[in-house]
């Protein structure tokens, strides 16, 4: 019940930020929504990402990757046009429910699907009307460059909680954080819970992010920057994580 209240608060915060929290400079490009794919297991479960698409771009660095979750595991798309699609296959453990939420100034679109037993796939999609976005054509192509930020919270006394390593070290689930992700044109305000993997579509000149934990865990919040699937930076801090890199 507590986890549900936290997730409801996060969605409400995302909605408020989307309605009035996006700064921009220069020209007047279309305001794009924040898209959240949330995988919620009924207990501990291992799942595989089969597809993650936004606006004709496929986020290939997580395709085919396996993740183990005991609570909500999130994948967020920033600065991406519709349509949006996610496919997640349950490999072992409890059933998973996948929800896609599209939060924009026009409101919120949400749909869910459930994989009930190992080998079954939950598929969610959304194609809300979005002015200024081109019509997609053909098979989704890899995002170029693919900019990804992984955010997780280390367990007390630990320094690492990378979302993708062997063995996986996910850390603490459900730590609430706020922050922003952007480039030279946009600064997208965001909030979420750990662990969350963000993708920032079509960056210009550079990418930057700041993440601040809103709950005390006794550990550190960690952010990792990947470009085209290659790790660029790992930053951990108990109060504020800052990442910036020129492209």
Protein backbone atom coordinates (compact mmCIF):
# COMPACT_ATOMS: atom_id res chain seq x y z
CA UNK A 1 0.00 0.00 0.00
CA UNK A 2 2.82 2.40 0.82
CA UNK A 3 4.48 1.64 -2.53
CA UNK A 4 1.20 2.39 -4.33
CA UNK A 5 0.95 5.76 -2.55
CA UNK A 6 4.52 6.61 -3.54
CA UNK A 7 3.86 5.65 -7.17
CA UNK A 8 0.65 7.69 -7.24
CA UNK A 9 2.53 10.69 -5.87
CA UNK A 10 5.22 10.28 -8.49
CA UNK A 11 2.67 10.15 -11.32
CA UNK A 12 0.98 13.28 -9.93
CA UNK A 13 4.34 15.01 -9.74
CA UNK A 14 5.15 13.99 -13.31
CA UNK A 15 1.83 15.42 -14.42
CA UNK A 16 2.45 18.75 -12.69
CA UNK A 17 5.95 19.02 -14.09
CA UNK A 18 4.79 18.20 -17.59
CA UNK A 19 2.15 20.91 -17.40
CA UNK A 20 4.57 23.64 -16.42
CA UNK A 21 8.12 22.48 -15.87
CA UNK A 22 9.93 22.49 -19.21
CA UNK A 23 12.42 25.27 -19.89
CA UNK A 24 13.66 26.02 -23.37
CA UNK A 25 15.76 28.51 -25.29
CA UNK A 26 16.24 29.41 -28.93
CA UNK A 27 13.49 28.42 -31.39
CA UNK A 28 10.08 27.08 -30.48
CA UNK A 29 10.17 23.32 -31.14
CA UNK A 30 7.18 21.17 -30.13
CA UNK A 31 6.80 20.35 -26.46
CA UNK A 32 7.12 16.59 -26.22
CA UNK A 33 5.65 14.41 -23.45
CA UNK A 34 7.43 12.34 -20.83
CA UNK A 35 6.75 8.63 -21.39
CA UNK A 36 7.06 6.15 -18.54
CA UNK A 37 7.10 2.37 -18.95
CA UNK A 38 6.77 0.79 -15.51
CA UNK A 39 7.27 -2.93 -14.90
CA UNK A 40 5.63 -4.00 -11.63
CA UNK A 41 6.10 -7.60 -10.41
CA UNK A 42 3.70 -9.32 -8.02
CA UNK A 43 6.84 -10.54 -6.20
CA UNK A 44 10.42 -11.01 -7.34
CA UNK A 45 10.57 -11.55 -11.08
CA UNK A 46 13.10 -11.60 -13.91
CA UNK A 47 12.05 -10.12 -17.23
CA UNK A 48 13.56 -9.33 -20.62
CA UNK A 49 13.10 -6.17 -22.69
CA UNK A 50 12.07 -7.27 -26.19
CA UNK A 51 11.18 -3.86 -27.63
CA UNK A 52 11.29 -0.23 -26.54
CA UNK A 53 10.35 2.33 -29.18
CA UNK A 54 9.55 6.03 -29.30
CA UNK A 55 8.86 8.05 -32.44
CA UNK A 56 10.39 5.52 -34.80
CA UNK A 57 13.58 5.16 -32.71
CA UNK A 58 14.48 1.84 -31.07
CA UNK A 59 16.49 1.97 -27.83
CA UNK A 60 18.73 -0.97 -28.60
CA UNK A 61 21.06 -0.94 -25.57
CA UNK A 62 18.36 -2.56 -23.40
CA UNK A 63 16.87 -4.85 -26.05
CA UNK A 64 17.48 -8.47 -25.10
CA UNK A 65 18.73 -7.47 -21.63
CA UNK A 66 17.39 -9.22 -18.52
CA UNK A 67 16.45 -7.43 -15.29
CA UNK A 68 15.39 -8.70 -11.87
CA UNK A 69 12.87 -6.63 -9.94
CA UNK A 70 11.21 -6.84 -6.54
CA UNK A 71 9.24 -3.64 -7.08
CA UNK A 72 8.64 -1.13 -9.87
CA UNK A 73 11.39 -0.97 -12.53
CA UNK A 74 11.03 2.06 -14.81
CA UNK A 75 12.03 3.01 -18.35
CA UNK A 76 11.41 6.65 -19.34
CA UNK A 77 11.58 8.40 -22.71
CA UNK A 78 12.32 12.13 -22.84
CA UNK A 79 12.01 14.35 -25.91
CA UNK A 80 10.48 11.54 -28.03
CA UNK A 81 7.55 11.69 -30.44
CA UNK A 82 4.78 9.08 -30.57
CA UNK A 83 4.01 6.30 -31.27
CA UNK A 84 5.39 4.48 -28.21
CA UNK A 85 5.76 0.73 -27.81
CA UNK A 86 7.17 -1.62 -25.18
CA UNK A 87 7.33 -5.42 -25.02
CA UNK A 88 8.53 -7.18 -21.87
CA UNK A 89 8.75 -10.97 -21.47
CA UNK A 90 8.50 -12.63 -18.07
CA UNK A 91 11.34 -15.15 -17.68
CA UNK A 92 10.88 -16.37 -14.10
CA UNK A 93 9.16 -15.56 -10.83
CA UNK A 94 5.94 -13.69 -10.18
CA UNK A 95 3.74 -12.17 -12.87
CA UNK A 96 4.54 -8.68 -14.14
CA UNK A 97 2.19 -5.84 -15.03
CA UNK A 98 3.54 -3.29 -17.48
CA UNK A 99 2.01 0.19 -17.69
CA UNK A 100 2.84 2.94 -20.16
CA UNK A 101 1.98 6.50 -19.08
CA UNK A 102 2.25 9.41 -21.51
CA UNK A 103 2.19 12.68 -19.59
CA UNK A 104 1.87 15.95 -21.50
CA UNK A 105 0.21 19.33 -21.39
CA UNK A 106 -2.84 17.76 -23.02
CA UNK A 107 -3.35 15.27 -20.17
CA UNK A 108 -2.31 11.70 -19.47
CA UNK A 109 -2.68 8.54 -21.56
CA UNK A 110 -2.21 5.20 -19.81
CA UNK A 111 -2.59 1.52 -20.66
CA UNK A 112 -1.46 -1.75 -19.04
CA UNK A 113 -0.87 -5.41 -19.88
CA UNK A 114 0.14 -8.40 -17.76
CA UNK A 115 2.45 -11.36 -18.35
CA UNK A 116 1.02 -14.03 -16.07
CA UNK A 117 3.53 -16.85 -16.41
CA UNK A 118 7.13 -17.38 -17.63
CA UNK A 119 7.41 -17.19 -21.39
CA UNK A 120 4.50 -14.77 -21.84
CA UNK A 121 4.91 -11.17 -22.97
CA UNK A 122 3.27 -7.94 -21.82
CA UNK A 123 2.85 -5.44 -24.67
CA UNK A 124 1.83 -1.80 -24.23
CA UNK A 125 1.57 0.98 -26.76
CA UNK A 126 0.30 4.54 -27.04
CA UNK A 127 -0.09 6.89 -29.97
CA UNK A 128 -1.51 10.17 -28.68
CA UNK A 129 -1.93 13.12 -31.01
CA UNK A 130 1.19 15.32 -30.89
CA UNK A 131 1.61 18.47 -32.97
CA UNK A 132 4.96 19.06 -34.61
CA UNK A 133 5.89 15.36 -34.84
CA UNK A 134 6.50 13.69 -38.21
CA UNK A 135 4.52 10.61 -39.17
CA UNK A 136 6.63 7.47 -38.53
CA UNK A 137 7.54 5.36 -41.53
CA UNK A 138 9.08 1.92 -41.88
CA UNK A 139 10.72 -0.25 -39.23
CA UNK A 140 12.03 1.58 -36.13
CA UNK A 141 15.74 2.36 -36.46
CA UNK A 142 18.27 2.53 -33.63
CA UNK A 143 18.30 5.89 -31.87
CA UNK A 144 21.34 7.92 -33.03
CA UNK A 145 22.95 8.85 -30.80
CA UNK A 146 21.33 6.80 -28.06
CA UNK A 147 21.70 8.79 -24.84
CA UNK A 148 20.79 6.91 -21.68
CA UNK A 149 20.89 7.78 -17.98
CA UNK A 150 20.53 4.98 -15.40
CA UNK A 151 19.44 6.09 -11.92
CA UNK A 152 19.54 3.76 -8.92
CA UNK A 153 20.05 3.91 -5.13
CA UNK A 154 22.84 1.92 -3.53
CA UNK A 155 22.16 -0.17 -0.46
CA UNK A 156 23.46 1.31 2.83
CA UNK A 157 27.22 0.84 3.02
CA UNK A 158 27.51 0.11 -0.71
CA UNK A 159 28.86 2.40 -3.43
CA UNK A 160 27.47 0.70 -6.52
CA UNK A 161 23.98 -0.15 -7.76
CA UNK A 162 24.45 -0.34 -11.53
CA UNK A 163 21.28 -1.50 -13.25
CA UNK A 164 23.23 -3.64 -15.74
CA UNK A 165 26.15 -5.67 -14.46
CA UNK A 166 27.01 -9.29 -13.67
CA UNK A 167 25.70 -10.10 -11.14
CA UNK A 168 23.10 -7.30 -11.22
CA UNK A 169 23.34 -4.83 -8.34
CA UNK A 170 20.03 -3.03 -8.47
CA UNK A 171 20.18 -1.67 -4.91
CA UNK A 172 17.19 -0.11 -3.19
CA UNK A 173 13.84 -0.04 -4.98
CA UNK A 174 11.38 2.83 -4.60
CA UNK A 175 13.69 5.69 -3.57
CA UNK A 176 11.97 8.88 -4.77
CA UNK A 177 14.08 11.43 -6.65
CA UNK A 178 13.59 14.62 -8.65
CA UNK A 179 15.80 16.33 -11.20
CA UNK A 180 16.14 17.37 -14.82
CA UNK A 181 17.53 16.05 -18.10
CA UNK A 182 18.43 18.24 -21.04
CA UNK A 183 20.73 19.61 -23.71
CA UNK A 184 21.46 23.06 -25.19
CA UNK A 185 17.79 23.55 -26.12
CA UNK A 186 15.64 21.86 -23.47
CA UNK A 187 15.68 21.20 -19.77
CA UNK A 188 13.08 18.55 -18.92
CA UNK A 189 12.13 18.40 -15.25
CA UNK A 190 11.36 14.92 -14.00
CA UNK A 191 10.66 12.85 -10.91
CA UNK A 192 10.63 9.12 -10.36
CA UNK A 193 11.58 6.15 -8.22
CA UNK A 194 14.66 3.94 -8.37
CA UNK A 195 15.63 2.19 -10.49
CA UNK A 196 14.81 4.19 -13.64
CA UNK A 197 16.51 4.11 -17.05
CA UNK A 198 16.03 7.34 -19.04
CA UNK A 199 16.49 7.81 -22.77
CA UNK A 200 16.92 11.35 -24.13
CA UNK A 201 16.04 11.56 -27.80
CA UNK A 202 17.76 13.81 -30.40
CA UNK A 203 20.16 15.74 -28.11
CA UNK A 204 21.95 18.82 -29.42
CA UNK A 205 25.55 19.81 -28.59
CA UNK A 206 25.64 18.19 -25.14
CA UNK A 207 23.63 16.24 -22.57
CA UNK A 208 23.26 17.02 -18.90
CA UNK A 209 21.31 15.71 -15.95
CA UNK A 210 20.83 16.33 -12.25
CA UNK A 211 19.12 13.91 -9.85
CA UNK A 212 18.33 14.56 -6.16
CA UNK A 213 17.06 11.90 -3.71
CA UNK A 214 13.94 12.91 -1.81
CA UNK A 215 14.06 10.10 0.75
CA UNK A 216 16.85 9.06 3.10
CA UNK A 217 18.18 5.55 2.42
CA UNK A 218 21.56 5.53 4.19
CA UNK A 219 23.19 4.94 0.81
CA UNK A 220 23.95 7.03 -2.27
CA UNK A 221 22.04 7.88 -5.41
CA UNK A 222 23.97 6.81 -8.50
CA UNK A 223 23.69 8.03 -12.07
CA UNK A 224 25.35 6.49 -15.11
CA UNK A 225 25.58 8.00 -18.59
CA UNK A 226 25.70 5.69 -21.61
CA UNK A 227 26.10 6.90 -25.20
CA UNK A 228 25.38 4.31 -27.89
CA UNK A 229 25.50 1.63 -25.22
CA UNK A 230 28.98 2.60 -23.98
CA UNK A 231 29.44 3.72 -20.38
CA UNK A 232 30.74 7.31 -20.22
CA UNK A 233 30.34 8.42 -16.60
CA UNK A 234 29.35 7.03 -13.20
CA UNK A 235 28.52 9.56 -10.47
CA UNK A 236 27.32 8.78 -6.95
CA UNK A 237 26.28 11.21 -4.24
CA UNK A 238 23.97 11.17 -1.24
CA UNK A 239 22.55 14.63 -2.02
CA UNK A 240 22.89 15.48 -5.72
CA UNK A 241 24.11 13.69 -8.84
CA UNK A 242 25.41 15.93 -11.65
CA UNK A 243 26.33 14.61 -15.10
CA UNK A 244 27.27 16.64 -18.19
CA UNK A 245 29.07 15.69 -21.38
CA UNK A 246 29.61 17.26 -24.81
CA UNK A 247 28.61 15.21 -27.82
